[in-house]
C-alpha atoms as a PDB file:
ATOM      1  CA  UNK A   1      14.306  12.917   5.212  1.00  0.00           C
ATOM      2  CA  UNK A   2      16.302  13.769   8.273  1.00  0.00           C
ATOM      3  CA  UNK A   3      18.240  11.427  10.496  1.00  0.00           C
ATOM      4  CA  UNK A   4      16.175  10.547  13.542  1.00  0.00           C
ATOM      5  CA  UNK A   5      17.659  10.461  17.012  1.00  0.00           C
ATOM      6  CA  UNK A   6      14.585  10.129  19.245  1.00  0.00           C
ATOM      7  CA  UNK A   7      13.553   6.702  20.474  1.00  0.00           C
ATOM      8  CA  UNK A   8      10.937   7.495  23.131  1.00  0.00           C
ATOM      9  CA  UNK A   9       9.471  10.717  24.546  1.00  0.00           C
ATOM     10  CA  UNK A  10      12.088  12.221  26.799  1.00  0.00           C
ATOM     11  CA  UNK A  11      14.709   9.675  25.782  1.00  0.00           C
ATOM     12  CA  UNK A  12      17.425  10.431  23.270  1.00  0.00           C
ATOM     13  CA  UNK A  13      19.026   7.709  21.276  1.00  0.00           C
ATOM     14  CA  UNK A  14      22.772   7.859  21.601  1.00  0.00           C
ATOM     15  CA  UNK A  15      23.502   9.544  18.270  1.00  0.00           C
ATOM     16  CA  UNK A  16      26.056   8.358  15.830  1.00  0.00           C
ATOM     17  CA  UNK A  17      29.138  10.526  15.978  1.00  0.00           C
ATOM     18  CA  UNK A  18      29.778  12.605  12.846  1.00  0.00           C
ATOM     19  CA  UNK A  19      32.701  10.329  12.030  1.00  0.00           C
ATOM     20  CA  UNK A  20      30.571   7.172  12.340  1.00  0.00           C
ATOM     21  CA  UNK A  21      27.793   8.683  10.238  1.00  0.00           C
ATOM     22  CA  UNK A  22      30.280   9.668   7.541  1.00  0.00           C
ATOM     23  CA  UNK A  23      31.804   6.196   7.580  1.00  0.00           C
ATOM     24  CA  UNK A  24      28.468   4.403   7.335  1.00  0.00           C
ATOM     25  CA  UNK A  25      27.162   6.788   4.679  1.00  0.00           C
ATOM     26  CA  UNK A  26      29.910   6.024   2.172  1.00  0.00           C
ATOM     27  CA  UNK A  27      28.333   4.886  -1.102  1.00  0.00           C
ATOM     28  CA  UNK A  28      29.974   2.300  -3.273  1.00  0.00           C
ATOM     29  CA  UNK A  29      29.689   1.660  -6.992  1.00  0.00           C
ATOM     30  CA  UNK A  30      31.206  -1.781  -6.406  1.00  0.00           C
ATOM     31  CA  UNK A  31      28.717  -2.833  -3.728  1.00  0.00           C
ATOM     32  CA  UNK A  32      25.817  -1.452  -5.753  1.00  0.00           C
ATOM     33  CA  UNK A  33      26.996  -3.212  -8.903  1.00  0.00           C
ATOM     34  CA  UNK A  34      27.494  -6.512  -7.078  1.00  0.00           C
ATOM     35  CA  UNK A  35      23.972  -6.365  -5.621  1.00  0.00           C
ATOM     36  CA  UNK A  36      22.345  -5.276  -8.886  1.00  0.00           C
ATOM     37  CA  UNK A  37      24.169  -7.747 -11.111  1.00  0.00           C
ATOM     38  CA  UNK A  38      23.494 -10.631  -8.738  1.00  0.00           C
ATOM     39  CA  UNK A  39      19.786  -9.760  -8.546  1.00  0.00           C
ATOM     40  CA  UNK A  40      19.425  -9.333 -12.294  1.00  0.00           C
ATOM     41  CA  UNK A  41      21.624 -12.355 -12.926  1.00  0.00           C
ATOM     42  CA  UNK A  42      19.278 -14.541 -10.892  1.00  0.00           C
ATOM     43  CA  UNK A  43      16.294 -13.150 -12.801  1.00  0.00           C
ATOM     44  CA  UNK A  44      17.987 -13.941 -16.121  1.00  0.00           C
ATOM     45  CA  UNK A  45      18.947 -17.445 -14.975  1.00  0.00           C
ATOM     46  CA  UNK A  46      15.501 -18.331 -13.660  1.00  0.00           C
ATOM     47  CA  UNK A  47      13.857 -16.727 -16.692  1.00  0.00           C
ATOM     48  CA  UNK A  48      15.955 -18.844 -19.045  1.00  0.00           C
ATOM     49  CA  UNK A  49      15.066 -21.927 -17.009  1.00  0.00           C
ATOM     50  CA  UNK A  50      11.344 -21.109 -17.247  1.00  0.00           C
ATOM     51  CA  UNK A  51      11.568 -20.834 -21.020  1.00  0.00           C
ATOM     52  CA  UNK A  52      13.598 -24.021 -21.372  1.00  0.00           C
ATOM     53  CA  UNK A  53      11.360 -26.113 -19.119  1.00  0.00           C
ATOM     54  CA  UNK A  54       8.122 -24.769 -20.597  1.00  0.00           C
ATOM     55  CA  UNK A  55       9.351 -25.326 -24.164  1.00  0.00           C
ATOM     56  CA  UNK A  56      10.396 -28.921 -23.494  1.00  0.00           C
ATOM     57  CA  UNK A  57       7.839 -30.169 -21.005  1.00  0.00           C
ATOM     58  CA  UNK A  58       4.963 -27.698 -20.980  1.00  0.00           C
ATOM     59  CA  UNK A  59       4.186 -24.595 -18.975  1.00  0.00           C
ATOM     60  CA  UNK A  60       2.740 -26.515 -16.026  1.00  0.00           C
ATOM     61  CA  UNK A  61       6.205 -27.840 -15.155  1.00  0.00           C
ATOM     62  CA  UNK A  62       7.603 -24.315 -15.044  1.00  0.00           C
ATOM     63  CA  UNK A  63       5.131 -23.036 -12.443  1.00  0.00           C
ATOM     64  CA  UNK A  64       7.478 -23.536  -9.457  1.00  0.00           C
ATOM     65  CA  UNK A  65      10.161 -21.600 -11.312  1.00  0.00           C
ATOM     66  CA  UNK A  66       7.635 -18.832 -11.987  1.00  0.00           C
ATOM     67  CA  UNK A  67       7.036 -18.503  -8.272  1.00  0.00           C
ATOM     68  CA  UNK A  68      10.780 -18.056  -7.706  1.00  0.00           C
ATOM     69  CA  UNK A  69      10.936 -15.591 -10.582  1.00  0.00           C
ATOM     70  CA  UNK A  70       7.994 -13.740  -9.086  1.00  0.00           C
ATOM     71  CA  UNK A  71       9.822 -13.236  -5.819  1.00  0.00           C
ATOM     72  CA  UNK A  72      12.904 -11.949  -7.625  1.00  0.00           C
ATOM     73  CA  UNK A  73      11.079  -9.670 -10.064  1.00  0.00           C
ATOM     74  CA  UNK A  74       8.686  -8.159  -7.525  1.00  0.00           C
ATOM     75  CA  UNK A  75      11.576  -7.421  -5.187  1.00  0.00           C
ATOM     76  CA  UNK A  76      13.189  -5.238  -7.829  1.00  0.00           C
ATOM     77  CA  UNK A  77      11.070  -2.749  -5.922  1.00  0.00           C
ATOM     78  CA  UNK A  78      14.028  -2.663  -3.524  1.00  0.00           C
ATOM     79  CA  UNK A  79      16.347  -1.559  -6.321  1.00  0.00           C
ATOM     80  CA  UNK A  80      13.901   1.214  -7.164  1.00  0.00           C
ATOM     81  CA  UNK A  81      13.721   2.199  -3.509  1.00  0.00           C
ATOM     82  CA  UNK A  82      17.469   2.286  -2.926  1.00  0.00           C
ATOM     83  CA  UNK A  83      18.200   4.168  -6.140  1.00  0.00           C
ATOM     84  CA  UNK A  84      15.425   6.640  -5.295  1.00  0.00           C
ATOM     85  CA  UNK A  85      17.544   7.544  -2.271  1.00  0.00           C
ATOM     86  CA  UNK A  86      20.591   7.704  -4.598  1.00  0.00           C
ATOM     87  CA  UNK A  87      22.432   5.443  -2.148  1.00  0.00           C
ATOM     88  CA  UNK A  88      22.729   2.261  -4.223  1.00  0.00           C
ATOM     89  CA  UNK A  89      25.768   3.675  -6.020  1.00  0.00           C
ATOM     90  CA  UNK A  90      28.128   6.576  -5.590  1.00  0.00           C
ATOM     91  CA  UNK A  91      27.512   7.454  -9.228  1.00  0.00           C
ATOM     92  CA  UNK A  92      24.290   9.362  -9.858  1.00  0.00           C
ATOM     93  CA  UNK A  93      24.094   8.009 -13.398  1.00  0.00           C
ATOM     94  CA  UNK A  94      24.281   4.412 -12.159  1.00  0.00           C
ATOM     95  CA  UNK A  95      21.540   5.098  -9.606  1.00  0.00           C
ATOM     96  CA  UNK A  96      19.338   6.488 -12.361  1.00  0.00           C
ATOM     97  CA  UNK A  97      20.109   3.686 -14.825  1.00  0.00           C
ATOM     98  CA  UNK A  98      19.282   0.867 -12.395  1.00  0.00           C
ATOM     99  CA  UNK A  99      16.381   2.850 -10.971  1.00  0.00           C
ATOM    100  CA  UNK A 100      14.705   3.535 -14.303  1.00  0.00           C
ATOM    101  CA  UNK A 101      15.203  -0.036 -15.529  1.00  0.00           C
ATOM    102  CA  UNK A 102      13.892  -1.640 -12.343  1.00  0.00           C
ATOM    103  CA  UNK A 103      10.955   0.749 -12.135  1.00  0.00           C
ATOM    104  CA  UNK A 104       9.949  -0.010 -15.717  1.00  0.00           C
ATOM    105  CA  UNK A 105      10.040  -3.751 -15.052  1.00  0.00           C
ATOM    106  CA  UNK A 106       7.748  -3.510 -12.027  1.00  0.00           C
ATOM    107  CA  UNK A 107       5.385  -0.936 -13.565  1.00  0.00           C
ATOM    108  CA  UNK A 108       6.198   1.888 -11.144  1.00  0.00           C
ATOM    109  CA  UNK A 109       7.242   5.190 -12.812  1.00  0.00           C
ATOM    110  CA  UNK A 110      10.572   6.120 -11.263  1.00  0.00           C
ATOM    111  CA  UNK A 111      10.317   9.914 -11.010  1.00  0.00           C
ATOM    112  CA  UNK A 112       6.797   9.598  -9.648  1.00  0.00           C
ATOM    113  CA  UNK A 113       7.953   7.089  -7.034  1.00  0.00           C
ATOM    114  CA  UNK A 114      10.856   9.287  -5.902  1.00  0.00           C
ATOM    115  CA  UNK A 115       8.416  12.096  -5.051  1.00  0.00           C
ATOM    116  CA  UNK A 116       5.929   9.665  -3.486  1.00  0.00           C
ATOM    117  CA  UNK A 117       8.662   8.155  -1.325  1.00  0.00           C
ATOM    118  CA  UNK A 118      10.084  11.508  -0.300  1.00  0.00           C
ATOM    119  CA  UNK A 119       6.747  12.432   1.291  1.00  0.00           C
ATOM    120  CA  UNK A 120       6.520   8.978   2.880  1.00  0.00           C
ATOM    121  CA  UNK A 121       9.755   9.696   4.735  1.00  0.00           C
ATOM    122  CA  UNK A 122       8.724  13.242   5.624  1.00  0.00           C
ATOM    123  CA  UNK A 123       5.307  12.197   6.953  1.00  0.00           C
ATOM    124  CA  UNK A 124       5.705   8.564   7.995  1.00  0.00           C
ATOM    125  CA  UNK A 125       2.525   7.273   9.681  1.00  0.00           C
ATOM    126  CA  UNK A 126       0.735  10.618   9.343  1.00  0.00           C
ATOM    127  CA  UNK A 127      -2.704   9.533   8.037  1.00  0.00           C
ATOM    128  CA  UNK A 128      -3.290  12.928   6.425  1.00  0.00           C
ATOM    129  CA  UNK A 129       0.051  13.301   4.640  1.00  0.00           C
ATOM    130  CA  UNK A 130       1.846   9.949   4.285  1.00  0.00           C
ATOM    131  CA  UNK A 131       1.158   8.816   0.675  1.00  0.00           C
ATOM    132  CA  UNK A 132       1.368   5.164   1.693  1.00  0.00           C
ATOM    133  CA  UNK A 133      -1.574   5.707   4.038  1.00  0.00           C
ATOM    134  CA  UNK A 134      -3.509   7.940   1.658  1.00  0.00           C
ATOM    135  CA  UNK A 135      -3.499   5.406  -1.193  1.00  0.00           C
ATOM    136  CA  UNK A 136      -3.352   2.353   1.048  1.00  0.00           C
ATOM    137  CA  UNK A 137      -6.123  -0.225   0.925  1.00  0.00           C
ATOM    138  CA  UNK A 138      -8.370  -0.037   4.004  1.00  0.00           C
ATOM    139  CA  UNK A 139      -9.824  -3.557   4.344  1.00  0.00           C
ATOM    140  CA  UNK A 140     -12.983  -4.048   6.355  1.00  0.00           C
ATOM    141  CA  UNK A 141     -13.603  -7.788   5.887  1.00  0.00           C
ATOM    142  CA  UNK A 142     -11.615 -10.998   5.569  1.00  0.00           C
ATOM    143  CA  UNK A 143     -12.158 -11.024   1.804  1.00  0.00           C
ATOM    144  CA  UNK A 144     -10.927  -7.446   1.440  1.00  0.00           C
ATOM    145  CA  UNK A 145      -7.988  -8.208   3.688  1.00  0.00           C
ATOM    146  CA  UNK A 146      -6.986 -11.232   1.619  1.00  0.00           C
ATOM    147  CA  UNK A 147      -7.181  -9.124  -1.529  1.00  0.00           C
ATOM    148  CA  UNK A 148      -5.046  -6.430   0.078  1.00  0.00           C
ATOM    149  CA  UNK A 149      -2.393  -8.973   1.066  1.00  0.00           C
ATOM    150  CA  UNK A 150      -2.300 -10.312  -2.501  1.00  0.00           C
ATOM    151  CA  UNK A 151      -0.886  -6.980  -3.641  1.00  0.00           C
ATOM    152  CA  UNK A 152      -2.852  -7.190  -6.885  1.00  0.00           C
ATOM    153  CA  UNK A 153      -5.196  -4.330  -6.067  1.00  0.00           C
ATOM    154  CA  UNK A 154      -2.199  -2.085  -5.329  1.00  0.00           C
ATOM    155  CA  UNK A 155      -0.570  -2.941  -8.668  1.00  0.00           C
ATOM    156  CA  UNK A 156      -3.829  -2.326 -10.502  1.00  0.00           C
ATOM    157  CA  UNK A 157      -4.189   1.002  -8.714  1.00  0.00           C
ATOM    158  CA  UNK A 158      -0.766   2.311  -9.645  1.00  0.00           C
ATOM    159  CA  UNK A 159      -1.111   1.167 -13.263  1.00  0.00           C
ATOM    160  CA  UNK A 160      -4.517   2.843 -13.474  1.00  0.00           C
ATOM    161  CA  UNK A 161      -3.031   6.036 -12.013  1.00  0.00           C
ATOM    162  CA  UNK A 162      -0.164   5.929 -14.516  1.00  0.00           C
ATOM    163  CA  UNK A 163      -2.606   5.415 -17.381  1.00  0.00           C
ATOM    164  CA  UNK A 164      -4.685   8.325 -16.109  1.00  0.00           C
ATOM    165  CA  UNK A 165      -1.638  10.582 -16.073  1.00  0.00           C
ATOM    166  CA  UNK A 166      -0.739   9.496 -19.597  1.00  0.00           C
ATOM    167  CA  UNK A 167      -4.221   9.896 -21.101  1.00  0.00           C
ATOM    168  CA  UNK A 168      -5.516  12.993 -19.325  1.00  0.00           C
ATOM    169  CA  UNK A 169      -2.237  14.851 -18.886  1.00  0.00           C
ATOM    170  CA  UNK A 170      -3.383  15.803 -15.394  1.00  0.00           C
ATOM    171  CA  UNK A 171      -1.784  15.061 -12.025  1.00  0.00           C
ATOM    172  CA  UNK A 172      -3.779  15.849  -8.892  1.00  0.00           C
ATOM    173  CA  UNK A 173      -2.136  13.770  -6.140  1.00  0.00           C
ATOM    174  CA  UNK A 174      -0.745  16.101  -3.447  1.00  0.00           C
ATOM    175  CA  UNK A 175       2.742  14.587  -3.259  1.00  0.00           C
ATOM    176  CA  UNK A 176       3.578  15.692  -6.798  1.00  0.00           C
ATOM    177  CA  UNK A 177       4.439  19.437  -6.734  1.00  0.00           C
ATOM    178  CA  UNK A 178       3.250  21.671  -9.557  1.00  0.00           C
ATOM    179  CA  UNK A 179       6.708  22.003 -11.071  1.00  0.00           C
ATOM    180  CA  UNK A 180       7.024  18.188 -11.385  1.00  0.00           C
ATOM    181  CA  UNK A 181       3.620  17.426 -12.878  1.00  0.00           C
ATOM    182  CA  UNK A 182       4.691  17.830 -16.500  1.00  0.00           C
ATOM    183  CA  UNK A 183       7.564  15.407 -15.842  1.00  0.00           C
ATOM    184  CA  UNK A 184       5.150  12.918 -14.270  1.00  0.00           C
ATOM    185  CA  UNK A 185       2.864  13.069 -17.292  1.00  0.00           C
ATOM    186  CA  UNK A 186       5.747  12.698 -19.758  1.00  0.00           C
ATOM    187  CA  UNK A 187       7.117   9.750 -17.795  1.00  0.00           C
ATOM    188  CA  UNK A 188       3.722   8.032 -17.713  1.00  0.00           C
ATOM    189  CA  UNK A 189       3.322   8.479 -21.461  1.00  0.00           C
ATOM    190  CA  UNK A 190       6.781   7.031 -22.113  1.00  0.00           C
ATOM    191  CA  UNK A 191       5.988   3.982 -19.966  1.00  0.00           C
ATOM    192  CA  UNK A 192       2.635   3.400 -21.670  1.00  0.00           C
ATOM    193  CA  UNK A 193       4.227   3.754 -25.114  1.00  0.00           C
ATOM    194  CA  UNK A 194       6.992   1.253 -24.302  1.00  0.00           C
ATOM    195  CA  UNK A 195       4.587  -1.272 -22.777  1.00  0.00           C
ATOM    196  CA  UNK A 196       2.367  -0.964 -25.846  1.00  0.00           C
ATOM    197  CA  UNK A 197       5.361  -1.510 -28.129  1.00  0.00           C
ATOM    198  CA  UNK A 198       6.427  -4.640 -26.240  1.00  0.00           C
ATOM    199  CA  UNK A 199       2.882  -5.985 -26.368  1.00  0.00           C
ATOM    200  CA  UNK A 200       2.664  -5.345 -30.103  1.00  0.00           C
ATOM    201  CA  UNK A 201       6.033  -7.035 -30.718  1.00  0.00           C
ATOM    202  CA  UNK A 202       4.946 -10.072 -28.713  1.00  0.00           C
ATOM    203  CA  UNK A 203       1.794 -10.356 -30.819  1.00  0.00           C
ATOM    204  CA  UNK A 204       3.734  -9.884 -34.047  1.00  0.00           C
ATOM    205  CA  UNK A 205       6.232 -12.582 -33.075  1.00  0.00           C
ATOM    206  CA  UNK A 206       3.480 -14.803 -31.623  1.00  0.00           C
ATOM    207  CA  UNK A 207       5.659 -15.124 -28.527  1.00  0.00           C
ATOM    208  CA  UNK A 208       4.555 -15.679 -24.935  1.00  0.00           C
ATOM    209  CA  UNK A 209       8.098 -15.220 -23.633  1.00  0.00           C
ATOM    210  CA  UNK A 210       7.418 -11.951 -21.789  1.00  0.00           C
ATOM    211  CA  UNK A 211       4.180 -13.312 -20.367  1.00  0.00           C
ATOM    212  CA  UNK A 212       5.830 -16.308 -18.702  1.00  0.00           C
ATOM    213  CA  UNK A 213       9.144 -14.800 -17.584  1.00  0.00           C
ATOM    214  CA  UNK A 214       7.933 -11.301 -16.675  1.00  0.00           C
ATOM    215  CA  UNK A 215       4.221 -10.515 -16.459  1.00  0.00           C
ATOM    216  CA  UNK A 216       2.907 -13.610 -14.672  1.00  0.00           C
ATOM    217  CA  UNK A 217       5.884 -13.718 -12.266  1.00  0.00           C
ATOM    218  CA  UNK A 218       5.490  -9.997 -11.514  1.00  0.00           C
ATOM    219  CA  UNK A 219       1.868 -10.531 -10.511  1.00  0.00           C
ATOM    220  CA  UNK A 220       2.677 -13.710  -8.588  1.00  0.00           C
ATOM    221  CA  UNK A 221       5.470 -11.939  -6.753  1.00  0.00           C
ATOM    222  CA  UNK A 222       3.045  -9.449  -5.225  1.00  0.00           C
ATOM    223  CA  UNK A 223       1.859 -12.226  -2.910  1.00  0.00           C
ATOM    224  CA  UNK A 224       5.371 -12.138  -1.391  1.00  0.00           C
ATOM    225  CA  UNK A 225       6.045  -8.403  -1.635  1.00  0.00           C
ATOM    226  CA  UNK A 226       2.861  -7.010  -0.116  1.00  0.00           C
ATOM    227  CA  UNK A 227       3.056  -8.862   3.248  1.00  0.00           C
ATOM    228  CA  UNK A 228       6.688  -7.762   3.414  1.00  0.00           C
ATOM    229  CA  UNK A 229       5.677  -4.123   2.855  1.00  0.00           C
ATOM    230  CA  UNK A 230       2.898  -4.306   5.429  1.00  0.00           C
ATOM    231  CA  UNK A 231       5.480  -5.431   7.976  1.00  0.00           C
ATOM    232  CA  UNK A 232       7.359  -2.134   7.678  1.00  0.00           C
ATOM    233  CA  UNK A 233       4.895   0.117   9.532  1.00  0.00           C
ATOM    234  CA  UNK A 234       1.582  -1.638  10.218  1.00  0.00           C
ATOM    235  CA  UNK A 235       0.678  -1.507  13.887  1.00  0.00           C
ATOM    236  CA  UNK A 236       3.516   0.862  14.770  1.00  0.00           C
ATOM    237  CA  UNK A 237       3.047   4.202  16.539  1.00  0.00           C
ATOM    238  CA  UNK A 238       1.959   7.375  14.798  1.00  0.00           C
ATOM    239  CA  UNK A 239       4.871   9.495  15.973  1.00  0.00           C
ATOM    240  CA  UNK A 240       7.760  11.301  14.289  1.00  0.00           C
ATOM    241  CA  UNK A 241      10.272   8.875  15.768  1.00  0.00           C
ATOM    242  CA  UNK A 242      11.606   6.276  13.331  1.00  0.00           C
ATOM    243  CA  UNK A 243      12.281   4.082  16.350  1.00  0.00           C
ATOM    244  CA  UNK A 244       8.558   3.993  17.120  1.00  0.00           C
ATOM    245  CA  UNK A 245       6.797   4.349  13.763  1.00  0.00           C
ATOM    246  CA  UNK A 246       8.719   1.645  11.888  1.00  0.00           C
ATOM    247  CA  UNK A 247       9.456  -2.056  12.340  1.00  0.00           C
ATOM    248  CA  UNK A 248      12.691  -3.952  11.773  1.00  0.00           C
ATOM    249  CA  UNK A 249      12.086  -7.611  10.945  1.00  0.00           C
ATOM    250  CA  UNK A 250      14.782 -10.113  11.815  1.00  0.00           C
ATOM    251  CA  UNK A 251      14.961 -12.727   9.099  1.00  0.00           C
ATOM    252  CA  UNK A 252      17.321 -14.985   7.177  1.00  0.00           C
ATOM    253  CA  UNK A 253      20.267 -13.952   5.044  1.00  0.00           C
ATOM    254  CA  UNK A 254      18.585 -14.873   1.747  1.00  0.00           C
ATOM    255  CA  UNK A 255      15.542 -12.689   2.428  1.00  0.00           C
ATOM    256  CA  UNK A 256      17.765  -9.797   3.481  1.00  0.00           C
ATOM    257  CA  UNK A 257      19.792 -10.167   0.289  1.00  0.00           C
ATOM    258  CA  UNK A 258      16.761 -10.197  -2.021  1.00  0.00           C
ATOM    259  CA  UNK A 259      15.311  -7.227  -0.116  1.00  0.00           C
ATOM    260  CA  UNK A 260      18.557  -5.214  -0.267  1.00  0.00           C
ATOM    261  CA  UNK A 261      18.779  -5.251   3.568  1.00  0.00           C
ATOM    262  CA  UNK A 262      15.511  -3.319   3.892  1.00  0.00           C
ATOM    263  CA  UNK A 263      14.225  -5.640   6.651  1.00  0.00           C
ATOM    264  CA  UNK A 264      16.471  -3.294   8.691  1.00  0.00           C
ATOM    265  CA  UNK A 265      13.743  -0.742   8.166  1.00  0.00           C
ATOM    266  CA  UNK A 266      13.938   1.210  11.400  1.00  0.00           C
ATOM    267  CA  UNK A 267      17.600   1.769  10.648  1.00  0.00           C
ATOM    268  CA  UNK A 268      16.787   2.970   7.151  1.00  0.00           C
ATOM    269  CA  UNK A 269      14.111   5.417   8.292  1.00  0.00           C
ATOM    270  CA  UNK A 270      16.271   6.737  11.112  1.00  0.00           C
ATOM    271  CA  UNK A 271      19.300   7.264   8.870  1.00  0.00           C
ATOM    272  CA  UNK A 272      18.145   7.320   5.217  1.00  0.00           C
ATOM    273  CA  UNK A 273      21.519   8.594   4.010  1.00  0.00           C
ATOM    274  CA  UNK A 274      23.148   5.272   4.938  1.00  0.00           C
ATOM    275  CA  UNK A 275      23.246   2.819   1.992  1.00  0.00           C
ATOM    276  CA  UNK A 276      21.789  -0.661   2.036  1.00  0.00           C
ATOM    277  CA  UNK A 277      25.102  -2.482   2.505  1.00  0.00           C
ATOM    278  CA  UNK A 278      25.874  -0.617   5.768  1.00  0.00           C
ATOM    279  CA  UNK A 279      22.512  -1.278   7.454  1.00  0.00           C
ATOM    280  CA  UNK A 280      23.606  -4.506   9.212  1.00  0.00           C
ATOM    281  CA  UNK A 281      26.458  -2.600  10.859  1.00  0.00           C
ATOM    282  CA  UNK A 282      24.086   0.208  11.799  1.00  0.00           C
ATOM    283  CA  UNK A 283      21.754  -2.374  13.352  1.00  0.00           C
ATOM    284  CA  UNK A 284      24.535  -3.486  15.681  1.00  0.00           C
ATOM    285  CA  UNK A 285      24.760   0.085  16.967  1.00  0.00           C
ATOM    286  CA  UNK A 286      21.068   0.957  17.395  1.00  0.00           C
ATOM    287  CA  UNK A 287      19.475  -2.462  17.936  1.00  0.00           C
ATOM    288  CA  UNK A 288      18.736  -1.796  21.594  1.00  0.00           C
ATOM    289  CA  UNK A 289      16.623   1.249  20.723  1.00  0.00           C
ATOM    290  CA  UNK A 290      14.269  -0.519  18.294  1.00  0.00           C
ATOM    291  CA  UNK A 291      10.724  -0.739  19.673  1.00  0.00           C
ATOM    292  CA  UNK A 292       8.925  -2.820  17.034  1.00  0.00           C
ATOM    293  CA  UNK A 293      10.709  -6.055  16.149  1.00  0.00           C
ATOM    294  CA  UNK A 294       9.444  -8.657  13.748  1.00  0.00           C
ATOM    295  CA  UNK A 295      10.613 -12.228  14.248  1.00  0.00           C
ATOM    296  CA  UNK A 296      10.478 -13.572  10.718  1.00  0.00           C
ATOM    297  CA  UNK A 297       7.952 -12.634   8.041  1.00  0.00           C
ATOM    298  CA  UNK A 298       5.496 -15.477   8.628  1.00  0.00           C
ATOM    299  CA  UNK A 299       5.053 -14.512  12.262  1.00  0.00           C
ATOM    300  CA  UNK A 300       5.025 -10.787  11.495  1.00  0.00           C
ATOM    301  CA  UNK A 301       2.406 -11.265   8.772  1.00  0.00           C
ATOM    302  CA  UNK A 302       0.165 -13.058  11.260  1.00  0.00           C
ATOM    303  CA  UNK A 303       0.606 -10.090  13.588  1.00  0.00           C
ATOM    304  CA  UNK A 304      -0.168  -7.439  10.972  1.00  0.00           C
ATOM    305  CA  UNK A 305      -3.158  -9.457   9.726  1.00  0.00           C
ATOM    306  CA  UNK A 306      -4.484  -9.638  13.294  1.00  0.00           C
ATOM    307  CA  UNK A 307      -3.917  -5.891  13.678  1.00  0.00           C
ATOM    308  CA  UNK A 308      -6.141  -5.143  10.675  1.00  0.00           C
ATOM    309  CA  UNK A 309      -8.857  -7.486  11.930  1.00  0.00           C
ATOM    310  CA  UNK A 310      -8.857  -5.945  15.403  1.00  0.00           C
ATOM    311  CA  UNK A 311      -9.298  -2.480  13.960  1.00  0.00           C
ATOM    312  CA  UNK A 312     -12.191  -3.180  11.651  1.00  0.00           C
ATOM    313  CA  UNK A 313     -13.987  -5.261  14.291  1.00  0.00           C
ATOM    314  CA  UNK A 314     -13.601  -2.433  16.786  1.00  0.00           C
ATOM    315  CA  UNK A 315     -15.351  -0.134  14.327  1.00  0.00           C
ATOM    316  CA  UNK A 316     -12.332   2.040  13.465  1.00  0.00           C
ATOM    317  CA  UNK A 317     -10.992   2.408   9.943  1.00  0.00           C
ATOM    318  CA  UNK A 318      -7.601   0.733   9.812  1.00  0.00           C
ATOM    319  CA  UNK A 319      -4.854   2.594   8.021  1.00  0.00           C
ATOM    320  CA  UNK A 320      -2.151   0.285   6.726  1.00  0.00           C
ATOM    321  CA  UNK A 321       1.469   1.083   7.409  1.00  0.00           C
END
């Protein structure tokens, strides 16, 4: 994951000076803690509200709260992502603590994801090597496209892969090196064991608490997360330049907060050593070099949806970004 400086063929982006890069790359335990505690605090608050409302008035009245909870829980993916880069906190132990917890909640083994994401940065938009393109859904009809945008098939796929690692003890995906495969298997088995324990405890206690404040919201939240993720690279160029193969989407402050500033995605791919809280300042510096710009997620989702439809109707096999 190297810092990119090329915007267009033959055109160099004015690079950050070493001093500017050092300044922007400073990691902060305080900023990481504030972001993490606020995100988890909102999840706890909305979760408590779901349980209170459903207990008093019935689960149907808590459905709007579940949608909010879904957005918050699914977007813990951003905590996993930032801690995978070890930029959420200065402290390595804090990165690992928040990373492992968030990854467990969203059903995405942390060590596995770190290796997956490393290759995504190394091979962004390379259809032969970018893991996001290799495992990505390739819709060829409106029904398949709708299913892809729900995010449910992607969640099912990663859970099935994790279960396969746990049961068979084998890892064959190319982005996991041989010396990390035993770790991947052990991690998968730990996740499966803990999920099984929580399920058994819920049955023993005859409690639906985890179902309503965690599982259902997590699945619901994929309907928000997946269109967001498709906005990052879909329809962008297949080049090595972060300023051409990635999209920054300009959106409201609330969305940027929940997404840990990752709508500034060109900036992140160009300079992955810079932590989430410094990306708005980085955007002010490199904004003029960004090729693909999303104007809000509703509009960008319409554009990425249209991109998929154009490609399957033209007879080519679309590869999602």
